[in-house]
């Protein structure tokens, strides 16, 4: 049986652990505090207090923390040196492609995959979270049965780093669509149509989009932006940083993103 180690039993990682356990996978998860260990145990996994112990016992180590900086801390050369040759590291956290490349560079013998997600905890609970996966073909094929406990579809989009590139581009487009909706709502109000009525109608028209459906279900654009700002905003800043490092511009996307994130 594949032994899975898991770091990050939070808002997204918690339901992933539960799905893995329910699918019959042997799961050990990091719990550094008494509260953390109780949370892991409540999900049905075995709590492990030390990162090195968790890494040493894992055939597949899954990391689902919030920021790139946290990924770098968890995936330090010292911690990953405990992993067995041929083991796989899966990073679900959205961040820079450079981070996973740096991890792979100091982790010879370990298959590193980036697999950022699109969706929320409810999608994980339903086994239907979208995974954008980057990495070698054979490693992706080997890890796919584990990820299938909560991921569907599992989209292998290219080599290491490609998953992050797709996710960041996706979120830039997501944020830009929010900006376009804000302009549309403003136009509708000038034409005498309320935001609520306009959003409900758009979801049935040719201007419909998944984002418009999310916003309409939430009742208002401002409420939706408030709920998603922390997560989407983080990813947009990563996109801007990477583009700047490469000497590239986001062009029209950047202007629309700015509009969408107005309070």
C-alpha atoms as a PDB file:
ATOM      1  CA  UNK A   1       0.000   0.000   0.000  1.00  0.00           C
ATOM      2  CA  UNK A   2       1.232   3.502  -0.887  1.00  0.00           C
ATOM      3  CA  UNK A   3       2.148   5.495   2.200  1.00  0.00           C
ATOM      4  CA  UNK A   4       1.113   9.143   1.949  1.00  0.00           C
ATOM      5  CA  UNK A   5       2.560  11.920   4.093  1.00  0.00           C
ATOM      6  CA  UNK A   6       0.576  15.162   4.233  1.00  0.00           C
ATOM      7  CA  UNK A   7       1.580  18.677   5.307  1.00  0.00           C
ATOM      8  CA  UNK A   8      -1.156  21.270   5.687  1.00  0.00           C
ATOM      9  CA  UNK A   9      -4.350  19.891   7.256  1.00  0.00           C
ATOM     10  CA  UNK A  10      -6.210  23.176   6.876  1.00  0.00           C
ATOM     11  CA  UNK A  11      -9.125  24.557   4.868  1.00  0.00           C
ATOM     12  CA  UNK A  12      -8.099  22.711   1.694  1.00  0.00           C
ATOM     13  CA  UNK A  13      -5.786  20.032   3.055  1.00  0.00           C
ATOM     14  CA  UNK A  14      -8.227  18.764   5.679  1.00  0.00           C
ATOM     15  CA  UNK A  15     -10.847  17.515   3.219  1.00  0.00           C
ATOM     16  CA  UNK A  16      -8.066  16.081   1.022  1.00  0.00           C
ATOM     17  CA  UNK A  17      -6.837  14.000   3.952  1.00  0.00           C
ATOM     18  CA  UNK A  18     -10.363  12.826   4.709  1.00  0.00           C
ATOM     19  CA  UNK A  19     -10.889  11.755   1.089  1.00  0.00           C
ATOM     20  CA  UNK A  20      -7.563   9.893   1.061  1.00  0.00           C
ATOM     21  CA  UNK A  21      -8.438   8.054   4.266  1.00  0.00           C
ATOM     22  CA  UNK A  22     -11.916   7.177   3.011  1.00  0.00           C
ATOM     23  CA  UNK A  23     -10.392   5.761  -0.181  1.00  0.00           C
ATOM     24  CA  UNK A  24      -8.264   3.367   1.878  1.00  0.00           C
ATOM     25  CA  UNK A  25      -4.923   5.167   1.614  1.00  0.00           C
ATOM     26  CA  UNK A  26      -2.464   4.932   4.522  1.00  0.00           C
ATOM     27  CA  UNK A  27      -2.172   8.611   5.514  1.00  0.00           C
ATOM     28  CA  UNK A  28       0.166  10.208   8.016  1.00  0.00           C
ATOM     29  CA  UNK A  29      -0.133  13.970   8.475  1.00  0.00           C
ATOM     30  CA  UNK A  30       2.002  16.570  10.205  1.00  0.00           C
ATOM     31  CA  UNK A  31       0.693  17.781  13.565  1.00  0.00           C
ATOM     32  CA  UNK A  32       3.262  19.832  15.446  1.00  0.00           C
ATOM     33  CA  UNK A  33       0.949  20.871  18.315  1.00  0.00           C
ATOM     34  CA  UNK A  34      -1.559  18.991  20.458  1.00  0.00           C
ATOM     35  CA  UNK A  35      -4.368  20.851  18.677  1.00  0.00           C
ATOM     36  CA  UNK A  36      -2.904  20.010  15.277  1.00  0.00           C
ATOM     37  CA  UNK A  37      -2.543  16.347  16.155  1.00  0.00           C
ATOM     38  CA  UNK A  38      -6.137  16.205  17.369  1.00  0.00           C
ATOM     39  CA  UNK A  39      -7.290  17.767  14.097  1.00  0.00           C
ATOM     40  CA  UNK A  40      -5.335  15.198  12.058  1.00  0.00           C
ATOM     41  CA  UNK A  41      -6.678  12.318  14.128  1.00  0.00           C
ATOM     42  CA  UNK A  42     -10.240  13.574  13.695  1.00  0.00           C
ATOM     43  CA  UNK A  43      -9.754  13.242   9.923  1.00  0.00           C
ATOM     44  CA  UNK A  44      -8.825   9.591  10.330  1.00  0.00           C
ATOM     45  CA  UNK A  45      -5.103   9.988   9.651  1.00  0.00           C
ATOM     46  CA  UNK A  46      -2.145   9.183  11.879  1.00  0.00           C
ATOM     47  CA  UNK A  47      -0.567  12.304  13.374  1.00  0.00           C
ATOM     48  CA  UNK A  48       3.207  12.691  13.109  1.00  0.00           C
ATOM     49  CA  UNK A  49       4.931  15.428  15.115  1.00  0.00           C
ATOM     50  CA  UNK A  50       8.156  15.724  13.113  1.00  0.00           C
ATOM     51  CA  UNK A  51       8.543  16.703   9.458  1.00  0.00           C
ATOM     52  CA  UNK A  52      11.626  14.501   9.005  1.00  0.00           C
ATOM     53  CA  UNK A  53       9.744  11.483  10.374  1.00  0.00           C
ATOM     54  CA  UNK A  54       6.823  12.208   8.056  1.00  0.00           C
ATOM     55  CA  UNK A  55       9.093  12.544   5.008  1.00  0.00           C
ATOM     56  CA  UNK A  56      11.060   9.397   5.828  1.00  0.00           C
ATOM     57  CA  UNK A  57       7.904   7.251   5.980  1.00  0.00           C
ATOM     58  CA  UNK A  58       6.230   8.624   2.821  1.00  0.00           C
ATOM     59  CA  UNK A  59       6.116   7.152  -0.654  1.00  0.00           C
ATOM     60  CA  UNK A  60       4.228  10.290  -1.660  1.00  0.00           C
ATOM     61  CA  UNK A  61       4.581  13.526   0.330  1.00  0.00           C
ATOM     62  CA  UNK A  62       1.800  16.042  -0.341  1.00  0.00           C
ATOM     63  CA  UNK A  63       2.201  19.707   0.613  1.00  0.00           C
ATOM     64  CA  UNK A  64      -0.876  21.953   0.802  1.00  0.00           C
ATOM     65  CA  UNK A  65       0.121  25.116   2.670  1.00  0.00           C
ATOM     66  CA  UNK A  66      -0.878  28.720   1.904  1.00  0.00           C
ATOM     67  CA  UNK A  67       2.190  30.518   0.537  1.00  0.00           C
ATOM     68  CA  UNK A  68       5.284  29.931  -1.559  1.00  0.00           C
ATOM     69  CA  UNK A  69       7.415  30.876   1.437  1.00  0.00           C
ATOM     70  CA  UNK A  70       5.788  28.136   3.511  1.00  0.00           C
ATOM     71  CA  UNK A  71       6.433  25.636   0.704  1.00  0.00           C
ATOM     72  CA  UNK A  72      10.119  26.576   0.726  1.00  0.00           C
ATOM     73  CA  UNK A  73      10.270  26.116   4.509  1.00  0.00           C
ATOM     74  CA  UNK A  74       8.575  22.723   4.417  1.00  0.00           C
ATOM     75  CA  UNK A  75      10.562  21.516   1.406  1.00  0.00           C
ATOM     76  CA  UNK A  76      13.989  22.471   2.700  1.00  0.00           C
ATOM     77  CA  UNK A  77      16.942  20.323   1.631  1.00  0.00           C
ATOM     78  CA  UNK A  78      17.231  18.982   5.170  1.00  0.00           C
ATOM     79  CA  UNK A  79      13.636  17.806   5.353  1.00  0.00           C
ATOM     80  CA  UNK A  80      13.516  16.246   1.905  1.00  0.00           C
ATOM     81  CA  UNK A  81      16.812  14.455   2.385  1.00  0.00           C
ATOM     82  CA  UNK A  82      14.881  12.081   4.649  1.00  0.00           C
ATOM     83  CA  UNK A  83      12.718  10.920   1.731  1.00  0.00           C
ATOM     84  CA  UNK A  84      13.523   7.585   0.091  1.00  0.00           C
ATOM     85  CA  UNK A  85      14.916   7.602  -3.451  1.00  0.00           C
ATOM     86  CA  UNK A  86      12.059   7.235  -5.922  1.00  0.00           C
ATOM     87  CA  UNK A  87       9.508   8.854  -3.605  1.00  0.00           C
ATOM     88  CA  UNK A  88       7.361  11.678  -4.953  1.00  0.00           C
ATOM     89  CA  UNK A  89       6.677  15.184  -3.668  1.00  0.00           C
ATOM     90  CA  UNK A  90       3.404  16.845  -4.729  1.00  0.00           C
ATOM     91  CA  UNK A  91       2.984  20.596  -4.152  1.00  0.00           C
ATOM     92  CA  UNK A  92      -0.633  21.794  -4.233  1.00  0.00           C
ATOM     93  CA  UNK A  93       0.170  25.342  -3.108  1.00  0.00           C
ATOM     94  CA  UNK A  94      -0.109  27.974  -5.843  1.00  0.00           C
ATOM     95  CA  UNK A  95       3.173  29.814  -6.296  1.00  0.00           C
ATOM     96  CA  UNK A  96       6.058  30.538  -8.600  1.00  0.00           C
ATOM     97  CA  UNK A  97       7.262  27.822 -10.996  1.00  0.00           C
ATOM     98  CA  UNK A  98      10.742  28.772  -9.853  1.00  0.00           C
ATOM     99  CA  UNK A  99      10.019  27.473  -6.360  1.00  0.00           C
ATOM    100  CA  UNK A 100       9.294  23.905  -7.482  1.00  0.00           C
ATOM    101  CA  UNK A 101      12.280  24.002  -9.853  1.00  0.00           C
ATOM    102  CA  UNK A 102      14.523  25.031  -6.945  1.00  0.00           C
ATOM    103  CA  UNK A 103      13.105  22.229  -4.786  1.00  0.00           C
ATOM    104  CA  UNK A 104      13.738  19.688  -7.555  1.00  0.00           C
ATOM    105  CA  UNK A 105      17.291  20.961  -8.022  1.00  0.00           C
ATOM    106  CA  UNK A 106      18.223  20.229  -4.399  1.00  0.00           C
ATOM    107  CA  UNK A 107      16.260  16.947  -4.220  1.00  0.00           C
ATOM    108  CA  UNK A 108      17.971  14.465  -6.564  1.00  0.00           C
ATOM    109  CA  UNK A 109      16.254  11.097  -6.680  1.00  0.00           C
ATOM    110  CA  UNK A 110      12.877  12.565  -5.707  1.00  0.00           C
ATOM    111  CA  UNK A 111      10.099  13.087  -8.275  1.00  0.00           C
ATOM    112  CA  UNK A 112       8.771  16.620  -7.753  1.00  0.00           C
ATOM    113  CA  UNK A 113       5.325  17.516  -9.128  1.00  0.00           C
ATOM    114  CA  UNK A 114       3.486  20.820  -8.967  1.00  0.00           C
ATOM    115  CA  UNK A 115      -0.283  20.325  -8.788  1.00  0.00           C
ATOM    116  CA  UNK A 116      -2.081  23.563  -7.872  1.00  0.00           C
ATOM    117  CA  UNK A 117      -5.839  23.246  -7.532  1.00  0.00           C
ATOM    118  CA  UNK A 118      -8.833  25.109  -8.931  1.00  0.00           C
ATOM    119  CA  UNK A 119     -11.941  24.992  -6.760  1.00  0.00           C
ATOM    120  CA  UNK A 120     -12.783  24.987  -3.074  1.00  0.00           C
ATOM    121  CA  UNK A 121     -13.236  22.654  -0.099  1.00  0.00           C
ATOM    122  CA  UNK A 122     -16.688  21.613  -1.316  1.00  0.00           C
ATOM    123  CA  UNK A 123     -15.138  20.389  -4.578  1.00  0.00           C
ATOM    124  CA  UNK A 124     -12.559  18.367  -2.648  1.00  0.00           C
ATOM    125  CA  UNK A 125     -15.282  16.832  -0.477  1.00  0.00           C
ATOM    126  CA  UNK A 126     -17.073  15.755  -3.660  1.00  0.00           C
ATOM    127  CA  UNK A 127     -13.877  14.320  -5.153  1.00  0.00           C
ATOM    128  CA  UNK A 128     -14.070  16.883  -7.946  1.00  0.00           C
ATOM    129  CA  UNK A 129     -11.283  19.414  -7.416  1.00  0.00           C
ATOM    130  CA  UNK A 130      -9.393  20.327 -10.612  1.00  0.00           C
ATOM    131  CA  UNK A 131      -5.641  19.671 -10.520  1.00  0.00           C
ATOM    132  CA  UNK A 132      -3.198  21.308 -12.946  1.00  0.00           C
ATOM    133  CA  UNK A 133      -0.205  18.969 -12.780  1.00  0.00           C
ATOM    134  CA  UNK A 134       3.325  19.572 -13.995  1.00  0.00           C
ATOM    135  CA  UNK A 135       6.028  16.902 -13.951  1.00  0.00           C
ATOM    136  CA  UNK A 136       7.492  13.849 -15.702  1.00  0.00           C
ATOM    137  CA  UNK A 137       5.024  11.509 -17.392  1.00  0.00           C
ATOM    138  CA  UNK A 138       5.999   8.442 -15.377  1.00  0.00           C
ATOM    139  CA  UNK A 139       5.847  10.264 -12.044  1.00  0.00           C
ATOM    140  CA  UNK A 140       2.423  11.728 -12.824  1.00  0.00           C
ATOM    141  CA  UNK A 141       1.129   8.281 -13.823  1.00  0.00           C
ATOM    142  CA  UNK A 142       2.472   6.772 -10.592  1.00  0.00           C
ATOM    143  CA  UNK A 143       0.912   9.433  -8.340  1.00  0.00           C
ATOM    144  CA  UNK A 144      -2.369   9.777 -10.244  1.00  0.00           C
ATOM    145  CA  UNK A 145      -4.193   6.984  -8.305  1.00  0.00           C
ATOM    146  CA  UNK A 146      -3.443   8.817  -5.040  1.00  0.00           C
ATOM    147  CA  UNK A 147      -4.567  12.205  -6.348  1.00  0.00           C
ATOM    148  CA  UNK A 148      -7.722  10.606  -7.771  1.00  0.00           C
ATOM    149  CA  UNK A 149      -9.039  10.285  -4.203  1.00  0.00           C
ATOM    150  CA  UNK A 150     -10.028  13.957  -4.450  1.00  0.00           C
ATOM    151  CA  UNK A 151      -8.942  15.221  -7.884  1.00  0.00           C
ATOM    152  CA  UNK A 152     -11.136  15.137 -10.983  1.00  0.00           C
ATOM    153  CA  UNK A 153     -10.119  16.170 -13.548  1.00  0.00           C
ATOM    154  CA  UNK A 154      -6.395  15.603 -13.111  1.00  0.00           C
ATOM    155  CA  UNK A 155      -4.886  17.564 -16.008  1.00  0.00           C
ATOM    156  CA  UNK A 156      -1.242  16.837 -16.839  1.00  0.00           C
ATOM    157  CA  UNK A 157      -0.347  20.136 -18.507  1.00  0.00           C
ATOM    158  CA  UNK A 158       3.394  19.743 -19.081  1.00  0.00           C
ATOM    159  CA  UNK A 159       6.777  19.451 -17.353  1.00  0.00           C
ATOM    160  CA  UNK A 160       7.564  20.616 -13.832  1.00  0.00           C
ATOM    161  CA  UNK A 161       6.362  24.188 -13.332  1.00  0.00           C
ATOM    162  CA  UNK A 162       3.666  23.994 -16.004  1.00  0.00           C
ATOM    163  CA  UNK A 163       0.973  23.377 -13.395  1.00  0.00           C
ATOM    164  CA  UNK A 164       1.847  26.612 -11.636  1.00  0.00           C
ATOM    165  CA  UNK A 165       1.965  28.501 -14.947  1.00  0.00           C
ATOM    166  CA  UNK A 166      -1.522  27.291 -15.888  1.00  0.00           C
ATOM    167  CA  UNK A 167      -2.976  28.013 -12.441  1.00  0.00           C
ATOM    168  CA  UNK A 168      -1.517  31.511 -12.293  1.00  0.00           C
ATOM    169  CA  UNK A 169      -2.758  32.308 -15.791  1.00  0.00           C
ATOM    170  CA  UNK A 170      -6.162  30.881 -14.881  1.00  0.00           C
ATOM    171  CA  UNK A 171      -6.406  33.073 -11.804  1.00  0.00           C
ATOM    172  CA  UNK A 172      -5.289  36.164 -13.688  1.00  0.00           C
ATOM    173  CA  UNK A 173      -8.119  35.521 -16.148  1.00  0.00           C
ATOM    174  CA  UNK A 174     -10.502  34.810 -13.246  1.00  0.00           C
ATOM    175  CA  UNK A 175      -9.641  38.167 -11.649  1.00  0.00           C
ATOM    176  CA  UNK A 176      -9.948  39.937 -14.996  1.00  0.00           C
ATOM    177  CA  UNK A 177     -13.426  38.499 -15.512  1.00  0.00           C
ATOM    178  CA  UNK A 178     -14.437  39.948 -12.163  1.00  0.00           C
ATOM    179  CA  UNK A 179     -13.238  43.326 -13.471  1.00  0.00           C
ATOM    180  CA  UNK A 180     -15.298  42.937 -16.633  1.00  0.00           C
ATOM    181  CA  UNK A 181     -18.357  42.053 -14.547  1.00  0.00           C
ATOM    182  CA  UNK A 182     -17.867  45.184 -12.461  1.00  0.00           C
ATOM    183  CA  UNK A 183     -17.914  47.298 -15.621  1.00  0.00           C
ATOM    184  CA  UNK A 184     -20.984  45.410 -16.869  1.00  0.00           C
ATOM    185  CA  UNK A 185     -22.839  45.955 -13.595  1.00  0.00           C
ATOM    186  CA  UNK A 186     -22.034  49.659 -13.731  1.00  0.00           C
ATOM    187  CA  UNK A 187     -23.360  49.846 -17.303  1.00  0.00           C
ATOM    188  CA  UNK A 188     -26.512  47.973 -16.346  1.00  0.00           C
ATOM    189  CA  UNK A 189     -27.192  50.331 -13.453  1.00  0.00           C
ATOM    190  CA  UNK A 190     -26.768  53.346 -15.750  1.00  0.00           C
ATOM    191  CA  UNK A 191     -29.337  51.717 -18.041  1.00  0.00           C
ATOM    192  CA  UNK A 192     -31.727  51.202 -15.131  1.00  0.00           C
ATOM    193  CA  UNK A 193     -31.159  47.496 -14.324  1.00  0.00           C
ATOM    194  CA  UNK A 194     -30.277  46.421 -10.782  1.00  0.00           C
ATOM    195  CA  UNK A 195     -27.117  44.425 -10.121  1.00  0.00           C
ATOM    196  CA  UNK A 196     -29.085  41.425  -8.816  1.00  0.00           C
ATOM    197  CA  UNK A 197     -31.398  41.249 -11.834  1.00  0.00           C
ATOM    198  CA  UNK A 198     -28.552  41.770 -14.293  1.00  0.00           C
ATOM    199  CA  UNK A 199     -26.374  39.029 -12.763  1.00  0.00           C
ATOM    200  CA  UNK A 200     -29.249  36.566 -12.727  1.00  0.00           C
ATOM    201  CA  UNK A 201     -30.072  37.320 -16.366  1.00  0.00           C
ATOM    202  CA  UNK A 202     -26.477  37.173 -17.618  1.00  0.00           C
ATOM    203  CA  UNK A 203     -26.089  33.583 -16.395  1.00  0.00           C
ATOM    204  CA  UNK A 204     -28.712  32.612 -19.022  1.00  0.00           C
ATOM    205  CA  UNK A 205     -27.281  34.705 -21.856  1.00  0.00           C
ATOM    206  CA  UNK A 206     -24.352  34.564 -24.241  1.00  0.00           C
ATOM    207  CA  UNK A 207     -22.313  36.651 -21.782  1.00  0.00           C
ATOM    208  CA  UNK A 208     -22.490  33.860 -19.200  1.00  0.00           C
ATOM    209  CA  UNK A 209     -19.329  32.516 -17.562  1.00  0.00           C
ATOM    210  CA  UNK A 210     -18.461  30.352 -14.589  1.00  0.00           C
ATOM    211  CA  UNK A 211     -17.375  33.497 -12.732  1.00  0.00           C
ATOM    212  CA  UNK A 212     -20.686  35.242 -13.457  1.00  0.00           C
ATOM    213  CA  UNK A 213     -22.482  32.204 -12.069  1.00  0.00           C
ATOM    214  CA  UNK A 214     -20.421  32.309  -8.875  1.00  0.00           C
ATOM    215  CA  UNK A 215     -21.067  36.039  -8.432  1.00  0.00           C
ATOM    216  CA  UNK A 216     -24.804  35.715  -9.119  1.00  0.00           C
ATOM    217  CA  UNK A 217     -25.097  32.871  -6.606  1.00  0.00           C
ATOM    218  CA  UNK A 218     -23.389  35.033  -3.989  1.00  0.00           C
ATOM    219  CA  UNK A 219     -25.811  37.906  -4.453  1.00  0.00           C
ATOM    220  CA  UNK A 220     -23.427  40.752  -5.274  1.00  0.00           C
ATOM    221  CA  UNK A 221     -20.039  41.467  -6.807  1.00  0.00           C
ATOM    222  CA  UNK A 222     -18.667  43.183  -3.701  1.00  0.00           C
ATOM    223  CA  UNK A 223     -19.593  40.223  -1.491  1.00  0.00           C
ATOM    224  CA  UNK A 224     -17.902  37.803  -3.894  1.00  0.00           C
ATOM    225  CA  UNK A 225     -14.734  39.917  -4.125  1.00  0.00           C
ATOM    226  CA  UNK A 226     -14.570  40.119  -0.347  1.00  0.00           C
ATOM    227  CA  UNK A 227     -14.763  36.331  -0.021  1.00  0.00           C
ATOM    228  CA  UNK A 228     -12.144  35.618  -2.680  1.00  0.00           C
ATOM    229  CA  UNK A 229      -9.771  38.582  -2.356  1.00  0.00           C
ATOM    230  CA  UNK A 230      -7.254  36.877  -0.072  1.00  0.00           C
ATOM    231  CA  UNK A 231      -6.818  33.802  -2.268  1.00  0.00           C
ATOM    232  CA  UNK A 232      -7.060  35.321  -5.742  1.00  0.00           C
ATOM    233  CA  UNK A 233      -5.119  38.417  -4.699  1.00  0.00           C
ATOM    234  CA  UNK A 234      -2.199  36.272  -3.572  1.00  0.00           C
ATOM    235  CA  UNK A 235      -2.052  34.482  -6.904  1.00  0.00           C
ATOM    236  CA  UNK A 236      -2.364  37.701  -8.913  1.00  0.00           C
ATOM    237  CA  UNK A 237       0.590  39.191  -7.053  1.00  0.00           C
ATOM    238  CA  UNK A 238       2.641  36.088  -7.898  1.00  0.00           C
ATOM    239  CA  UNK A 239       1.680  36.500 -11.573  1.00  0.00           C
ATOM    240  CA  UNK A 240       2.746  40.133 -11.544  1.00  0.00           C
ATOM    241  CA  UNK A 241       6.017  39.337  -9.806  1.00  0.00           C
ATOM    242  CA  UNK A 242       6.926  36.553 -12.239  1.00  0.00           C
ATOM    243  CA  UNK A 243       5.974  38.662 -15.259  1.00  0.00           C
ATOM    244  CA  UNK A 244       8.148  41.510 -13.966  1.00  0.00           C
ATOM    245  CA  UNK A 245      11.099  39.173 -13.416  1.00  0.00           C
ATOM    246  CA  UNK A 246      10.774  37.949 -17.003  1.00  0.00           C
ATOM    247  CA  UNK A 247      10.383  41.474 -18.375  1.00  0.00           C
ATOM    248  CA  UNK A 248       6.839  40.737 -19.502  1.00  0.00           C
ATOM    249  CA  UNK A 249       3.648  42.763 -19.044  1.00  0.00           C
ATOM    250  CA  UNK A 250       0.131  41.518 -18.348  1.00  0.00           C
ATOM    251  CA  UNK A 251      -1.252  44.139 -20.720  1.00  0.00           C
ATOM    252  CA  UNK A 252      -5.016  44.510 -20.782  1.00  0.00           C
ATOM    253  CA  UNK A 253      -5.383  41.758 -18.178  1.00  0.00           C
ATOM    254  CA  UNK A 254      -3.666  43.944 -15.593  1.00  0.00           C
ATOM    255  CA  UNK A 255      -5.986  46.908 -16.214  1.00  0.00           C
ATOM    256  CA  UNK A 256      -9.104  44.752 -15.883  1.00  0.00           C
ATOM    257  CA  UNK A 257      -7.752  42.989 -12.791  1.00  0.00           C
ATOM    258  CA  UNK A 258      -7.276  46.370 -11.111  1.00  0.00           C
ATOM    259  CA  UNK A 259     -10.890  47.250 -11.885  1.00  0.00           C
ATOM    260  CA  UNK A 260     -12.151  43.957 -10.498  1.00  0.00           C
ATOM    261  CA  UNK A 261     -10.406  44.292  -7.179  1.00  0.00           C
ATOM    262  CA  UNK A 262     -11.717  47.743  -6.377  1.00  0.00           C
ATOM    263  CA  UNK A 263     -13.568  47.695  -3.037  1.00  0.00           C
END
